[in-house]
Amino acid sequence: MTDYQDLLQTIKSLQHSRLSYIELLQEEVKRSQDRPSEKIKADEDSDDSSRPATSTHHVSAPNTLFTVPYSIPQTLAVSPSLGGQPVSPELAVSLRSVLFGNTFHIFNYEWKKSFFKFREPFSDTAYALETERGGASAIQMVVQAHIIKHLLFNRPGNSTCTMKSLLEVGEKEQRRALAAALADILWTAGEEQTATVSLVTSERCFTPHLDYKLDSFTERLQLFTFKKKDDVRSFICEHIQCFKEEGSHGMILFLYSLVFSRTIDRIRADFDCTTTHLLHLSLGNFVCRQALLNLLLTGRASPHVFNGTSLNDEKDQPLAQPLHGVLTRSHVGYLFWNREQVKHAQLPLVGSMLKTPRLPIWVCNVNGTYSVLFSPNRSLLSDWKMEHLFQLYFYNGQPTQLNTTVLTIDTHSHHWEAENKDIQGDLEKKFPSVEMTIRTKWEGAVIDWNGTVPFF
């Protein structure tokens, strides 16, 4: 009886200090830094300067070089016999170079912990991904836009596109929507001819050399290439846990898949003299360059948001090298607003290829944070009469947003300009940045938040 009471007391005390998988992994890595035989693993995680503090509990592991916990749980690693192409050392080096501009940077903790996490099924945000403020949020929001595209306009048996249909989404439909969204983006990047999905195996594919920093993750990639879009979607759906489970590194896996679907040679051809890689370091975190955003939105890693190719500068003088903008109209659009750039007259003008997409869905970059605007009304962009008075739905991905915000947009009345014609230079101070972002598409629009507190 005493032993039983002691056991209950031990369980009760442990309940206050339970660790998630990520925390256990962090603690093991921290512990392994003092083990000579595990120096490679310790070196991998020395880059994670933003790693949070962990508990003093430890998880046991055999003291061998490759049996310490991997970057992802072994349950999320596929078998090497599945049939993929193992990544070569040359391809891994090229991948690092096109992402970071060198072979020594590796993804930090913020990226490693990022995956595609849905909100509660059959709720007011059942269609929505929960995102974090970090470098990967841009990718999550583009995928979010494609999930909305699937659920509103491509969902089987959904003849009427209504906001209600987005709320009637269960867990199974969430998985299907995510698989469809990822497949759409990859297929477009592969010029609708091929797409490649990257997964991780339990075994390392090659031994790194001196010019490459080991991360115990990239070296275990298996690449699966498909020539039919349905096959891509089915394969991702079958392995969807590799993108949506905690500890899966799902965001990095999808980014790798995107690069391999476009191919590194094509991405380099998409670039111009202003851009040599897809990510850049800002405030200690890797964030997406415009080329990566355009790759996600249009399938092409063009570095600029204007239409076409620019041969002249702002003063109409010939450029030494042409600048690459957006060549095709995307299904999902893009809107941009930044207070600081407005203040310094540096706000880039988004071209019509992105500003007026094929479907009424926009990824919004508002002061460096990402959100999505959308409408279930497919005719909004094809019938000018629809643009007099209409509703847009706004979602910013943050856990604090419990309901989708409904905005009423009035472009027919002109009292907004009349009220503010004398304060044009101070508009960015007076109005929420979300409103100013919308007005880059509908100039002078009056925006009603319908009782919701505006997002500044």
Protein backbone atom coordinates (compact mmCIF):
# COMPACT_ATOMS: atom_id res chain seq x y z
CA MET A 1 0.00 0.00 0.00
CA THR A 2 2.87 2.34 0.82
CA ASP A 3 4.50 1.63 -2.56
CA TYR A 4 1.19 2.44 -4.28
CA GLN A 5 0.88 5.77 -2.44
CA ASP A 6 4.49 6.63 -3.28
CA LEU A 7 3.79 5.93 -6.96
CA LEU A 8 0.72 8.18 -6.95
CA GLN A 9 2.72 10.95 -5.29
CA THR A 10 5.48 10.63 -7.91
CA ILE A 11 2.97 10.81 -10.78
CA LYS A 12 1.32 13.86 -9.22
CA SER A 13 4.65 15.67 -8.86
CA LEU A 14 5.63 14.89 -12.45
CA GLN A 15 2.40 16.31 -13.82
CA HIS A 16 3.65 19.80 -13.01
CA SER A 17 6.82 19.37 -15.05
CA ARG A 18 5.83 17.32 -18.08
CA LEU A 19 7.92 18.09 -21.11
CA SER A 20 6.83 18.21 -24.73
CA TYR A 21 8.82 16.35 -27.35
CA ILE A 22 10.58 19.56 -28.36
CA GLU A 23 11.63 20.30 -24.78
CA LEU A 24 12.93 16.75 -24.30
CA LEU A 25 14.88 17.03 -27.53
CA GLN A 26 16.37 20.35 -26.47
CA GLU A 27 17.47 18.97 -23.12
CA GLU A 28 19.06 15.92 -24.73
CA VAL A 29 20.94 18.08 -27.20
CA LYS A 30 22.11 20.31 -24.36
CA ARG A 31 23.30 17.26 -22.47
CA SER A 32 24.99 15.78 -25.53
CA GLN A 33 27.23 18.81 -25.98
CA ASP A 34 29.54 17.41 -23.28
CA ARG A 35 29.80 14.00 -24.96
CA PRO A 36 32.85 13.74 -27.27
CA SER A 37 31.30 10.95 -29.30
CA GLU A 38 28.29 13.15 -30.08
CA LYS A 39 30.19 16.33 -31.03
CA ILE A 40 28.56 16.50 -34.45
CA LYS A 41 25.08 16.60 -32.97
CA ALA A 42 26.14 19.24 -30.47
CA ASP A 43 27.58 21.37 -33.28
CA GLU A 44 24.28 21.19 -35.15
CA ASP A 45 22.31 22.88 -32.39
CA SER A 46 24.91 25.47 -31.42
CA ASP A 47 23.25 27.77 -33.98
CA ASP A 48 19.93 27.80 -32.14
CA SER A 49 20.48 31.03 -30.24
CA SER A 50 16.76 31.52 -29.77
CA ARG A 51 16.25 28.15 -28.05
CA PRO A 52 14.16 28.61 -24.89
CA ALA A 53 15.24 27.36 -21.48
CA THR A 54 14.23 23.81 -20.53
CA SER A 55 13.56 21.84 -17.40
CA THR A 56 16.24 19.87 -15.54
CA HIS A 57 14.63 16.52 -16.42
CA HIS A 58 16.57 14.33 -18.85
CA VAL A 59 15.66 11.71 -21.41
CA SER A 60 17.96 8.72 -21.66
CA ALA A 61 19.56 7.66 -24.94
CA PRO A 62 22.31 5.22 -25.93
CA ASN A 63 25.75 6.85 -26.05
CA THR A 64 26.44 6.29 -29.76
CA LEU A 65 26.98 8.73 -32.59
CA PHE A 66 23.71 8.37 -34.49
CA THR A 67 21.27 7.04 -31.90
CA VAL A 68 20.71 10.34 -30.11
CA PRO A 69 17.27 11.77 -30.88
CA TYR A 70 17.07 12.92 -34.48
CA SER A 71 15.88 16.37 -35.50
CA ILE A 72 12.44 14.81 -35.98
CA PRO A 73 10.81 11.80 -34.28
CA GLN A 74 11.68 8.51 -35.93
CA THR A 75 7.95 7.82 -36.24
CA LEU A 76 7.83 10.68 -38.79
CA ALA A 77 10.76 9.32 -40.81
CA VAL A 78 9.94 7.23 -43.87
CA SER A 79 11.65 4.01 -44.81
CA PRO A 80 14.61 4.25 -47.22
CA SER A 81 12.92 1.47 -49.20
CA LEU A 82 9.93 3.69 -50.05
CA GLY A 83 11.51 4.43 -53.40
CA GLY A 84 12.70 8.02 -53.25
CA GLN A 85 15.96 9.40 -54.56
CA PRO A 86 18.50 10.00 -51.76
CA VAL A 87 19.85 13.53 -51.66
CA SER A 88 23.41 13.81 -52.96
CA PRO A 89 26.10 15.91 -51.27
CA GLU A 90 26.24 18.17 -54.33
CA LEU A 91 22.49 18.77 -54.23
CA ALA A 92 22.56 19.46 -50.48
CA VAL A 93 25.30 22.06 -50.98
CA SER A 94 23.33 23.72 -53.80
CA LEU A 95 20.18 23.69 -51.65
CA ARG A 96 21.96 25.47 -48.79
CA SER A 97 23.45 27.98 -51.20
CA VAL A 98 20.16 28.93 -52.89
CA LEU A 99 18.42 29.26 -49.52
CA PHE A 100 21.06 31.04 -47.41
CA GLY A 101 23.74 32.17 -49.86
CA ASN A 102 26.31 29.88 -48.19
CA THR A 103 26.70 26.28 -46.96
CA PHE A 104 27.30 27.03 -43.28
CA HIS A 105 23.97 28.48 -42.18
CA ILE A 106 21.37 26.05 -40.90
CA PHE A 107 17.79 26.63 -39.79
CA ASN A 108 17.42 27.84 -36.22
CA TYR A 109 15.01 26.68 -33.54
CA GLU A 110 12.16 28.95 -34.69
CA TRP A 111 12.15 27.29 -38.10
CA LYS A 112 12.69 23.77 -36.81
CA LYS A 113 9.64 23.92 -34.57
CA SER A 114 7.35 25.31 -37.30
CA PHE A 115 4.73 23.05 -38.88
CA PHE A 116 1.21 23.31 -40.27
CA LYS A 117 -1.16 23.35 -37.31
CA PHE A 118 -4.92 23.74 -37.80
CA ARG A 119 -7.32 25.38 -35.40
CA GLU A 120 -10.15 23.40 -33.81
CA PRO A 121 -12.30 21.42 -36.33
CA PHE A 122 -15.96 22.48 -36.74
CA SER A 123 -15.29 25.86 -35.15
CA ASP A 124 -15.36 29.51 -36.21
CA THR A 125 -11.80 29.06 -37.48
CA ALA A 126 -11.95 25.42 -38.62
CA TYR A 127 -10.39 26.32 -41.98
CA ALA A 128 -7.48 28.21 -40.43
CA LEU A 129 -3.86 27.49 -39.63
CA GLU A 130 -2.38 28.77 -36.39
CA THR A 131 0.80 30.64 -37.20
CA GLU A 132 3.57 32.19 -35.17
CA ARG A 133 5.42 35.46 -35.57
CA GLY A 134 8.63 34.40 -37.24
CA GLY A 135 10.39 33.80 -40.51
CA ALA A 136 8.14 30.92 -41.52
CA SER A 137 4.88 32.86 -41.08
CA ALA A 138 4.98 34.10 -44.69
CA ILE A 139 5.00 30.51 -45.96
CA GLN A 140 2.22 29.51 -43.58
CA MET A 141 0.01 32.36 -44.78
CA VAL A 142 0.50 31.55 -48.46
CA VAL A 143 -0.46 27.95 -47.69
CA GLN A 144 -3.42 29.31 -45.69
CA ALA A 145 -4.56 31.24 -48.77
CA HIS A 146 -4.40 28.08 -50.87
CA ILE A 147 -6.34 26.15 -48.23
CA ILE A 148 -9.09 28.78 -48.47
CA LYS A 149 -8.91 28.52 -52.26
CA HIS A 150 -9.46 24.76 -52.06
CA LEU A 151 -12.27 24.88 -49.50
CA LEU A 152 -14.16 27.72 -51.21
CA PHE A 153 -13.62 27.10 -54.91
CA ASN A 154 -12.21 23.60 -55.48
CA ARG A 155 -13.90 21.54 -52.78
CA PRO A 156 -15.73 18.50 -54.22
CA GLY A 157 -19.50 18.86 -53.94
CA ASN A 158 -19.27 22.49 -52.78
CA SER A 159 -21.37 24.20 -55.43
CA THR A 160 -22.11 27.29 -53.33
CA CYS A 161 -19.16 29.22 -51.93
CA THR A 162 -20.11 30.60 -48.54
CA MET A 163 -18.28 31.48 -45.37
CA LYS A 164 -20.38 28.87 -43.57
CA SER A 165 -18.74 26.10 -45.60
CA LEU A 166 -15.35 27.08 -44.15
CA LEU A 167 -16.63 26.51 -40.64
CA GLU A 168 -18.00 23.04 -41.37
CA VAL A 169 -14.57 21.49 -41.77
CA GLY A 170 -13.59 18.42 -39.81
CA GLU A 171 -10.16 16.96 -39.14
CA LYS A 172 -10.23 14.70 -42.20
CA GLU A 173 -11.17 17.62 -44.46
CA GLN A 174 -8.40 19.70 -42.88
CA ARG A 175 -5.83 17.08 -43.88
CA ARG A 176 -7.20 16.92 -47.42
CA ALA A 177 -7.22 20.70 -47.76
CA LEU A 178 -3.63 20.97 -46.56
CA ALA A 179 -2.50 18.25 -48.97
CA ALA A 180 -4.32 19.98 -51.84
CA ALA A 181 -2.79 23.36 -50.95
CA LEU A 182 0.77 22.01 -50.75
CA ALA A 183 0.32 20.05 -53.98
CA ASP A 184 -1.05 23.12 -55.81
CA ILE A 185 1.95 25.23 -54.86
CA LEU A 186 4.50 22.54 -55.74
CA TRP A 187 2.80 21.69 -59.04
CA THR A 188 2.80 25.35 -60.09
CA ALA A 189 6.49 25.67 -59.16
CA GLY A 190 7.21 22.65 -61.37
CA GLU A 191 5.56 24.44 -64.31
CA GLU A 192 2.66 21.97 -64.12
CA GLN A 193 4.90 19.20 -65.43
CA THR A 194 6.46 17.68 -62.32
CA ALA A 195 6.59 18.18 -58.56
CA THR A 196 8.99 16.86 -55.94
CA VAL A 197 8.16 16.03 -52.32
CA SER A 198 10.97 15.88 -49.76
CA LEU A 199 10.70 13.56 -46.76
CA VAL A 200 13.21 12.43 -44.16
CA THR A 201 14.41 8.86 -43.69
CA SER A 202 15.91 7.20 -40.64
CA GLU A 203 19.30 6.88 -42.33
CA ARG A 204 21.81 9.45 -43.49
CA CYS A 205 22.32 9.54 -47.27
CA PHE A 206 25.87 10.91 -47.39
CA THR A 207 28.83 11.98 -45.31
CA PRO A 208 29.32 15.75 -45.30
CA HIS A 209 32.64 17.36 -46.21
CA LEU A 210 34.50 20.34 -44.80
CA ASP A 211 32.50 22.92 -46.78
CA TYR A 212 29.15 21.80 -45.38
CA LYS A 213 27.72 22.10 -41.87
CA LEU A 214 25.91 18.99 -40.69
CA ASP A 215 22.33 19.43 -39.44
CA SER A 216 21.40 15.71 -39.15
CA PHE A 217 18.27 16.49 -41.18
CA THR A 218 19.10 17.61 -44.71
CA GLU A 219 21.52 14.69 -45.07
CA ARG A 220 18.60 12.27 -44.62
CA LEU A 221 16.34 13.65 -47.37
CA GLN A 222 14.62 11.36 -49.85
CA LEU A 223 13.13 13.05 -52.93
CA PHE A 224 9.94 11.74 -54.55
CA THR A 225 9.15 13.17 -58.00
CA PHE A 226 5.74 12.88 -59.70
CA LYS A 227 4.47 13.70 -63.18
CA LYS A 228 0.76 13.92 -62.30
CA LYS A 229 -0.78 16.44 -59.94
CA ASP A 230 -3.19 13.90 -58.48
CA ASP A 231 -0.26 11.65 -57.59
CA VAL A 232 1.44 14.54 -55.77
CA ARG A 233 -1.70 15.28 -53.76
CA SER A 234 -2.29 11.61 -52.92
CA PHE A 235 1.31 11.11 -51.80
CA ILE A 236 1.27 14.20 -49.58
CA CYS A 237 -2.09 13.18 -48.12
CA GLU A 238 -0.69 9.73 -47.32
CA HIS A 239 2.28 11.31 -45.52
CA ILE A 240 0.55 14.42 -44.23
CA GLN A 241 1.79 13.77 -40.68
CA CYS A 242 5.28 14.68 -41.94
CA PHE A 243 4.06 18.26 -42.41
CA LYS A 244 1.47 18.74 -39.66
CA GLU A 245 2.83 17.00 -36.56
CA GLU A 246 4.80 18.69 -33.77
CA GLY A 247 8.51 18.03 -34.21
CA SER A 248 8.11 17.18 -37.92
CA HIS A 249 10.03 20.21 -39.23
CA GLY A 250 7.10 20.38 -41.62
CA MET A 251 7.79 23.94 -42.73
CA ILE A 252 11.37 23.17 -43.72
CA LEU A 253 10.33 19.99 -45.52
CA PHE A 254 7.79 21.93 -47.56
CA LEU A 255 10.33 24.64 -48.38
CA TYR A 256 12.81 21.99 -49.54
CA SER A 257 10.04 20.43 -51.66
CA LEU A 258 9.31 23.83 -53.20
CA VAL A 259 12.95 24.41 -54.15
CA PHE A 260 13.33 20.93 -55.66
CA SER A 261 10.02 21.24 -57.54
CA ARG A 262 11.12 24.50 -59.16
CA THR A 263 14.71 23.14 -59.44
CA ILE A 264 17.74 25.09 -58.32
CA ASP A 265 18.78 25.93 -61.89
CA ARG A 266 15.38 27.50 -62.64
CA ILE A 267 15.41 29.47 -59.39
CA ARG A 268 18.80 30.93 -60.22
CA ALA A 269 17.51 31.88 -63.66
CA ASP A 270 14.49 33.56 -62.00
CA PHE A 271 16.81 35.77 -59.94
CA ASP A 272 18.38 39.00 -61.14
CA CYS A 273 21.34 41.07 -59.95
CA THR A 274 19.42 42.16 -56.82
CA THR A 275 18.87 38.68 -55.37
CA THR A 276 21.10 35.62 -55.02
CA HIS A 277 19.23 33.53 -52.43
CA LEU A 278 15.74 33.07 -50.95
CA LEU A 279 16.22 33.87 -47.24
CA HIS A 280 17.96 36.66 -45.41
CA LEU A 281 18.89 37.16 -41.78
CA SER A 282 16.92 39.84 -39.92
CA LEU A 283 16.95 40.40 -36.15
CA GLY A 284 18.39 36.96 -35.55
CA ASN A 285 15.92 35.05 -37.71
CA PHE A 286 15.77 33.95 -41.33
CA VAL A 287 12.94 35.67 -43.19
CA CYS A 288 11.56 35.23 -46.69
CA ARG A 289 12.77 37.48 -49.48
CA GLN A 290 10.26 38.67 -52.05
CA ALA A 291 11.64 36.08 -54.48
CA LEU A 292 10.50 33.28 -52.17
CA LEU A 293 7.07 34.87 -51.71
CA ASN A 294 6.69 35.17 -55.48
CA LEU A 295 7.81 31.56 -55.90
CA LEU A 296 5.06 30.48 -53.50
CA LEU A 297 2.44 32.68 -55.18
CA THR A 298 3.31 32.38 -58.87
CA GLY A 299 5.66 29.41 -59.19
CA ARG A 300 8.54 31.66 -60.23
CA ALA A 301 11.19 33.18 -57.92
CA SER A 302 11.12 36.66 -59.42
CA PRO A 303 12.59 39.22 -56.98
CA HIS A 304 10.14 42.09 -57.62
CA VAL A 305 6.39 42.78 -57.40
CA PHE A 306 5.93 44.87 -60.55
CA ASN A 307 4.61 43.37 -63.79
CA GLY A 308 7.01 41.97 -66.36
CA THR A 309 10.70 42.76 -66.81
CA SER A 310 12.10 46.24 -66.18
CA LEU A 311 14.84 47.52 -68.50
CA ASN A 312 14.93 51.08 -67.13
CA ASP A 313 15.21 52.62 -63.69
CA GLU A 314 12.80 55.08 -62.03
CA LYS A 315 14.33 57.94 -64.05
CA ASP A 316 13.80 55.95 -67.27
CA GLN A 317 17.53 55.41 -67.67
CA PRO A 318 18.71 52.04 -69.05
CA LEU A 319 19.71 49.50 -66.40
CA ALA A 320 22.96 47.58 -66.64
CA GLN A 321 20.94 44.39 -66.12
CA PRO A 322 17.17 43.87 -66.37
CA LEU A 323 15.08 43.42 -63.21
CA HIS A 324 12.65 40.49 -63.05
CA GLY A 325 9.06 41.06 -61.99
CA VAL A 326 5.90 38.95 -62.13
CA LEU A 327 5.04 37.50 -65.53
CA THR A 328 1.74 35.71 -64.91
CA ARG A 329 -1.46 36.42 -63.02
CA SER A 330 -1.56 34.31 -59.89
CA HIS A 331 -4.56 32.47 -58.42
CA VAL A 332 -3.80 34.01 -55.02
CA GLY A 333 -2.91 37.70 -54.87
CA TYR A 334 -0.56 39.83 -52.82
CA LEU A 335 -0.95 43.23 -51.16
CA PHE A 336 1.77 45.20 -49.40
CA TRP A 337 1.92 48.09 -46.94
CA ASN A 338 4.73 49.25 -44.66
CA ARG A 339 4.61 52.40 -42.52
CA GLU A 340 8.37 52.92 -42.51
CA GLN A 341 8.69 52.61 -46.26
CA VAL A 342 5.80 55.01 -46.78
CA LYS A 343 7.52 57.47 -44.46
CA HIS A 344 10.66 57.33 -46.63
CA ALA A 345 8.76 57.20 -49.94
CA GLN A 346 10.08 53.67 -50.61
CA LEU A 347 6.83 51.72 -50.82
CA PRO A 348 7.04 49.36 -53.84
CA LEU A 349 4.00 49.40 -56.11
CA VAL A 350 2.51 45.94 -56.50
CA GLY A 351 1.60 45.21 -60.10
CA SER A 352 -1.78 44.04 -61.35
CA MET A 353 -0.56 40.46 -61.81
CA LEU A 354 -0.46 40.13 -58.01
CA LYS A 355 -2.93 42.84 -57.02
CA THR A 356 -5.73 41.44 -59.20
CA PRO A 357 -5.46 37.63 -58.98
CA ARG A 358 -7.72 35.06 -60.60
CA LEU A 359 -9.54 34.45 -57.31
CA PRO A 360 -10.50 36.96 -54.58
CA ILE A 361 -7.85 35.84 -52.09
CA TRP A 362 -4.86 37.96 -51.07
CA VAL A 363 -1.84 37.35 -48.86
CA CYS A 364 -1.13 40.66 -47.11
CA ASN A 365 2.27 41.82 -45.94
CA VAL A 366 1.41 44.53 -43.42
CA ASN A 367 4.41 46.08 -41.68
CA GLY A 368 6.28 42.79 -42.02
CA THR A 369 3.52 40.58 -40.58
CA TYR A 370 1.38 38.33 -42.74
CA SER A 371 -2.37 37.83 -42.95
CA VAL A 372 -4.97 36.88 -45.53
CA LEU A 373 -7.98 38.69 -47.04
CA PHE A 374 -10.58 36.81 -49.02
CA SER A 375 -14.12 36.80 -50.38
CA PRO A 376 -16.36 33.83 -51.24
CA ASN A 377 -17.74 35.90 -54.16
CA ARG A 378 -15.89 34.66 -57.23
CA SER A 379 -17.36 37.49 -59.33
CA LEU A 380 -15.73 40.20 -57.22
CA LEU A 381 -12.81 40.54 -59.62
CA SER A 382 -14.73 40.05 -62.86
CA ASP A 383 -17.81 42.25 -62.41
CA TRP A 384 -17.03 45.90 -61.65
CA LYS A 385 -20.51 46.42 -60.16
CA MET A 386 -19.60 43.97 -57.37
CA GLU A 387 -16.82 46.30 -56.23
CA HIS A 388 -19.15 49.13 -55.19
CA LEU A 389 -20.07 47.57 -51.84
CA PHE A 390 -18.80 44.19 -50.72
CA GLN A 391 -17.39 42.22 -47.79
CA LEU A 392 -13.90 40.90 -47.22
CA TYR A 393 -12.86 38.43 -44.53
CA PHE A 394 -9.63 38.98 -42.64
CA TYR A 395 -7.53 36.39 -40.76
CA ASN A 396 -4.07 37.02 -39.28
CA GLY A 397 -3.17 33.54 -38.04
CA GLN A 398 -2.63 34.54 -34.42
CA PRO A 399 -4.13 32.42 -31.59
CA THR A 400 -5.76 35.55 -30.17
CA GLN A 401 -8.05 35.86 -33.19
CA LEU A 402 -10.96 33.60 -32.30
CA ASN A 403 -13.27 34.60 -35.16
CA THR A 404 -12.78 35.67 -38.74
CA THR A 405 -13.06 39.45 -39.01
CA VAL A 406 -15.70 40.75 -41.43
CA LEU A 407 -14.90 44.01 -43.22
CA THR A 408 -17.38 45.96 -45.35
CA ILE A 409 -15.69 47.80 -48.22
CA ASP A 410 -17.44 50.79 -49.80
CA THR A 411 -15.75 52.12 -52.94
CA HIS A 412 -18.77 54.01 -54.34
CA SER A 413 -19.03 56.88 -51.86
CA HIS A 414 -16.22 59.40 -51.72
CA HIS A 415 -16.50 60.82 -48.21
CA TRP A 416 -13.25 59.11 -47.18
CA GLU A 417 -11.28 61.34 -49.58
CA ALA A 418 -13.33 64.41 -48.64
CA GLU A 419 -12.67 63.91 -44.94
CA ASN A 420 -8.97 63.25 -45.39
CA LYS A 421 -7.83 65.28 -48.39
CA ASP A 422 -5.91 67.70 -46.16
CA ILE A 423 -4.01 65.05 -44.19
CA GLN A 424 -2.66 62.77 -46.92
CA GLY A 425 0.82 62.85 -45.39
CA ASP A 426 -0.46 61.58 -42.03
CA LEU A 427 -2.77 58.81 -43.21
CA GLU A 428 -0.43 56.07 -42.03
CA LYS A 429 -0.73 57.48 -38.51
CA LYS A 430 -4.49 57.97 -38.47
CA PHE A 431 -5.71 54.73 -40.03
CA PRO A 432 -4.98 51.07 -39.29
CA SER A 433 -2.34 49.63 -41.59
CA VAL A 434 -4.77 46.90 -42.65
CA GLU A 435 -7.04 49.58 -44.07
CA MET A 436 -4.17 51.27 -45.88
CA THR A 437 -3.21 47.89 -47.34
CA ILE A 438 -6.73 47.41 -48.70
CA ARG A 439 -6.64 50.90 -50.21
CA THR A 440 -3.61 49.96 -52.30
CA LYS A 441 -6.13 47.83 -54.22
CA TRP A 442 -9.31 49.92 -53.78
CA GLU A 443 -8.11 53.50 -53.57
CA GLY A 444 -10.19 55.75 -51.31
CA ALA A 445 -12.37 52.91 -50.02
CA VAL A 446 -14.34 53.38 -46.81
CA ILE A 447 -13.82 50.38 -44.51
CA ASP A 448 -16.25 49.34 -41.80
CA TRP A 449 -14.95 46.86 -39.21
CA ASN A 450 -18.50 45.94 -38.17
CA GLY A 451 -17.90 46.30 -34.45
CA THR A 452 -14.53 44.54 -34.39
CA VAL A 453 -11.60 46.40 -32.87
CA PRO A 454 -9.32 47.30 -35.83
CA PHE A 455 -5.96 45.60 -36.21
CA PHE A 456 -3.27 48.25 -36.24
